[in-house]
N, C-alpha and C. Protein backbone atom coordinates (compact mmCIF):
# COMPACT_ATOMS: atom_id res chain seq x y z
N MET A 1 17.14 -5.44 24.45
CA MET A 1 16.89 -4.04 24.23
C MET A 1 18.16 -3.26 24.55
N SER A 2 18.51 -2.34 23.70
CA SER A 2 19.75 -1.59 23.91
C SER A 2 19.56 -0.53 25.00
N LYS A 3 20.68 -0.03 25.51
CA LYS A 3 20.63 1.00 26.55
C LYS A 3 19.96 2.26 26.03
N CYS A 4 20.18 2.60 24.77
CA CYS A 4 19.59 3.79 24.17
C CYS A 4 18.06 3.65 24.11
N ALA A 5 17.59 2.46 23.71
CA ALA A 5 16.15 2.23 23.63
C ALA A 5 15.51 2.29 25.01
N ILE A 6 16.18 1.73 26.02
CA ILE A 6 15.67 1.77 27.39
C ILE A 6 15.62 3.21 27.89
N CYS A 7 16.65 3.98 27.58
CA CYS A 7 16.70 5.39 28.00
C CYS A 7 15.56 6.18 27.34
N CYS A 8 15.34 5.96 26.04
CA CYS A 8 14.26 6.66 25.33
C CYS A 8 12.90 6.26 25.88
N LEU A 9 12.71 5.00 26.18
CA LEU A 9 11.45 4.52 26.75
C LEU A 9 11.22 5.15 28.12
N PHE A 10 12.25 5.22 28.95
CA PHE A 10 12.14 5.85 30.26
C PHE A 10 11.75 7.32 30.13
N GLN A 11 12.38 8.04 29.19
CA GLN A 11 12.06 9.44 28.98
C GLN A 11 10.61 9.61 28.51
N LEU A 12 10.14 8.72 27.66
CA LEU A 12 8.76 8.77 27.19
C LEU A 12 7.79 8.56 28.35
N ILE A 13 8.08 7.60 29.21
CA ILE A 13 7.21 7.34 30.36
C ILE A 13 7.18 8.54 31.30
N VAL A 14 8.32 9.14 31.55
CA VAL A 14 8.38 10.33 32.41
C VAL A 14 7.55 11.46 31.80
N ALA A 15 7.68 11.67 30.49
CA ALA A 15 6.93 12.73 29.81
C ALA A 15 5.42 12.48 29.90
N VAL A 16 4.99 11.23 29.71
CA VAL A 16 3.57 10.90 29.80
C VAL A 16 3.04 11.18 31.21
N PHE A 17 3.78 10.80 32.22
CA PHE A 17 3.34 11.06 33.59
C PHE A 17 3.31 12.55 33.88
N PHE A 18 4.30 13.29 33.39
CA PHE A 18 4.35 14.73 33.64
C PHE A 18 3.15 15.43 33.00
N PHE A 19 2.92 15.17 31.72
CA PHE A 19 1.83 15.86 31.03
C PHE A 19 0.47 15.25 31.37
N GLY A 20 0.44 14.03 31.81
CA GLY A 20 -0.83 13.39 32.15
C GLY A 20 -1.31 13.68 33.55
N PHE A 21 -0.41 13.95 34.47
CA PHE A 21 -0.81 14.16 35.86
C PHE A 21 -0.56 15.59 36.34
N ILE A 22 0.54 16.18 35.99
CA ILE A 22 0.88 17.51 36.48
C ILE A 22 0.05 18.59 35.79
N THR A 23 -0.04 18.55 34.48
CA THR A 23 -0.73 19.59 33.73
C THR A 23 -2.21 19.71 34.09
N PRO A 24 -3.00 18.62 34.17
CA PRO A 24 -4.40 18.78 34.56
C PRO A 24 -4.56 19.34 35.97
N ALA A 25 -3.68 19.02 36.87
CA ALA A 25 -3.77 19.57 38.22
C ALA A 25 -3.57 21.08 38.20
N GLN A 26 -2.65 21.55 37.38
CA GLN A 26 -2.42 22.98 37.28
C GLN A 26 -3.59 23.66 36.59
N ALA A 27 -4.22 23.01 35.62
CA ALA A 27 -5.34 23.60 34.89
C ALA A 27 -6.56 23.76 35.79
N SER A 28 -6.70 22.91 36.82
CA SER A 28 -7.87 22.98 37.67
C SER A 28 -7.70 23.98 38.82
N GLU A 29 -6.64 24.78 38.79
CA GLU A 29 -6.44 25.76 39.85
C GLU A 29 -7.38 26.95 39.74
N GLY A 30 -8.07 27.10 38.60
CA GLY A 30 -9.03 28.18 38.42
C GLY A 30 -10.26 27.92 39.27
N LYS A 31 -11.26 28.79 39.12
CA LYS A 31 -12.49 28.64 39.89
C LYS A 31 -13.69 28.62 38.95
N PRO A 32 -14.67 27.77 39.24
CA PRO A 32 -15.91 27.80 38.47
C PRO A 32 -16.78 28.97 38.94
N ASN A 33 -17.69 29.40 38.10
CA ASN A 33 -18.59 30.48 38.46
C ASN A 33 -19.96 30.19 37.85
N ALA A 34 -20.92 29.78 38.68
CA ALA A 34 -22.26 29.46 38.21
C ALA A 34 -23.08 30.74 38.05
N VAL A 35 -23.67 30.90 36.88
CA VAL A 35 -24.51 32.07 36.60
C VAL A 35 -25.86 31.57 36.12
N LEU A 36 -26.93 32.02 36.78
CA LEU A 36 -28.29 31.67 36.39
C LEU A 36 -28.95 32.87 35.74
N GLU A 37 -29.70 32.62 34.63
CA GLU A 37 -30.44 33.71 34.00
C GLU A 37 -31.52 34.21 34.95
N ILE A 38 -32.23 33.29 35.59
CA ILE A 38 -33.18 33.62 36.66
C ILE A 38 -32.94 32.63 37.80
N ASN A 39 -33.05 33.09 39.03
CA ASN A 39 -32.76 32.19 40.15
C ASN A 39 -34.01 31.77 40.91
N SER A 40 -35.20 32.17 40.43
CA SER A 40 -36.44 31.70 41.04
C SER A 40 -37.51 31.63 39.96
N TYR A 41 -38.56 30.85 40.23
CA TYR A 41 -39.65 30.70 39.27
C TYR A 41 -40.93 30.49 40.06
N ASP A 42 -41.98 31.22 39.73
CA ASP A 42 -43.28 31.08 40.39
C ASP A 42 -44.11 30.06 39.62
N PHE A 43 -44.33 28.90 40.22
CA PHE A 43 -45.10 27.86 39.57
C PHE A 43 -46.60 28.13 39.62
N GLY A 44 -46.99 29.12 40.39
CA GLY A 44 -48.42 29.40 40.51
C GLY A 44 -49.10 28.32 41.32
N PHE A 45 -50.38 28.06 41.01
CA PHE A 45 -51.14 27.04 41.74
C PHE A 45 -50.78 25.67 41.20
N ALA A 46 -50.50 24.74 42.08
CA ALA A 46 -50.17 23.36 41.67
C ALA A 46 -51.04 22.39 42.46
N TYR A 47 -51.60 21.42 41.76
CA TYR A 47 -52.43 20.40 42.41
C TYR A 47 -51.55 19.36 43.08
N GLU A 48 -52.01 18.89 44.23
CA GLU A 48 -51.25 17.87 44.97
C GLU A 48 -51.14 16.61 44.11
N GLY A 49 -49.94 16.06 44.09
CA GLY A 49 -49.69 14.84 43.34
C GLY A 49 -49.32 15.07 41.88
N LYS A 50 -49.41 16.31 41.42
CA LYS A 50 -49.04 16.63 40.03
C LYS A 50 -47.64 17.22 40.00
N ASP A 51 -46.86 16.82 39.04
CA ASP A 51 -45.51 17.35 38.90
C ASP A 51 -45.56 18.73 38.25
N VAL A 52 -44.74 19.62 38.75
CA VAL A 52 -44.54 20.91 38.11
C VAL A 52 -43.06 20.99 37.72
N ILE A 53 -42.80 21.46 36.53
CA ILE A 53 -41.43 21.40 35.99
C ILE A 53 -41.03 22.75 35.42
N HIS A 54 -39.80 23.11 35.67
CA HIS A 54 -39.20 24.29 35.05
C HIS A 54 -37.71 24.03 34.88
N ASP A 55 -37.17 24.38 33.74
CA ASP A 55 -35.74 24.22 33.48
C ASP A 55 -35.01 25.50 33.83
N PHE A 56 -34.02 25.37 34.71
CA PHE A 56 -33.14 26.49 35.03
C PHE A 56 -31.86 26.32 34.22
N ILE A 57 -31.45 27.37 33.55
CA ILE A 57 -30.24 27.31 32.74
C ILE A 57 -29.08 27.86 33.56
N ILE A 58 -28.06 27.02 33.74
CA ILE A 58 -26.88 27.39 34.51
C ILE A 58 -25.69 27.45 33.56
N LYS A 59 -24.99 28.57 33.56
CA LYS A 59 -23.80 28.71 32.73
C LYS A 59 -22.58 28.84 33.62
N ASN A 60 -21.51 28.20 33.21
CA ASN A 60 -20.24 28.29 33.94
C ASN A 60 -19.38 29.33 33.24
N THR A 61 -19.22 30.49 33.86
CA THR A 61 -18.38 31.53 33.27
C THR A 61 -16.98 31.53 33.87
N GLY A 62 -16.68 30.55 34.72
CA GLY A 62 -15.36 30.46 35.33
C GLY A 62 -14.38 29.74 34.43
N ASP A 63 -13.19 29.51 34.95
CA ASP A 63 -12.14 28.86 34.17
C ASP A 63 -11.78 27.48 34.71
N ALA A 64 -12.72 26.87 35.43
CA ALA A 64 -12.56 25.49 35.90
C ALA A 64 -13.91 24.79 35.76
N ASN A 65 -13.92 23.48 35.83
CA ASN A 65 -15.17 22.72 35.71
C ASN A 65 -16.11 23.05 36.85
N LEU A 66 -17.39 23.18 36.53
CA LEU A 66 -18.43 23.41 37.53
C LEU A 66 -19.07 22.08 37.87
N GLU A 67 -19.08 21.74 39.14
CA GLU A 67 -19.66 20.48 39.60
C GLU A 67 -20.83 20.80 40.52
N ILE A 68 -22.04 20.40 40.11
CA ILE A 68 -23.24 20.62 40.92
C ILE A 68 -23.45 19.36 41.73
N LYS A 69 -23.34 19.49 43.04
CA LYS A 69 -23.42 18.33 43.92
C LYS A 69 -24.80 18.15 44.53
N ALA A 70 -25.58 19.21 44.65
CA ALA A 70 -26.91 19.09 45.24
C ALA A 70 -27.78 20.26 44.79
N VAL A 71 -29.08 19.98 44.72
CA VAL A 71 -30.07 21.02 44.39
C VAL A 71 -31.21 20.84 45.38
N LYS A 72 -31.73 21.96 45.89
CA LYS A 72 -32.85 21.87 46.83
C LYS A 72 -33.83 23.01 46.60
N THR A 73 -35.04 22.83 47.05
CA THR A 73 -36.05 23.87 46.97
C THR A 73 -36.09 24.62 48.29
N THR A 74 -36.68 25.80 48.25
CA THR A 74 -36.79 26.58 49.50
C THR A 74 -38.22 26.73 49.90
């Protein structure tokens, strides 16, 4: 392999690492923002042992990925 080819390959590897590792880190500097249309729901009367279900819609209006790590009832 010639010196020119080795130099070009090295530059390509550096560019891949720069755009592959540096750019995503800078893009994640924003903040996520979770927005719920409604934040509570009255299930009414529920029988013991029966499942009650409601879908909550969560929208991310921030400029970074929203990661939901836990959900709990009150």
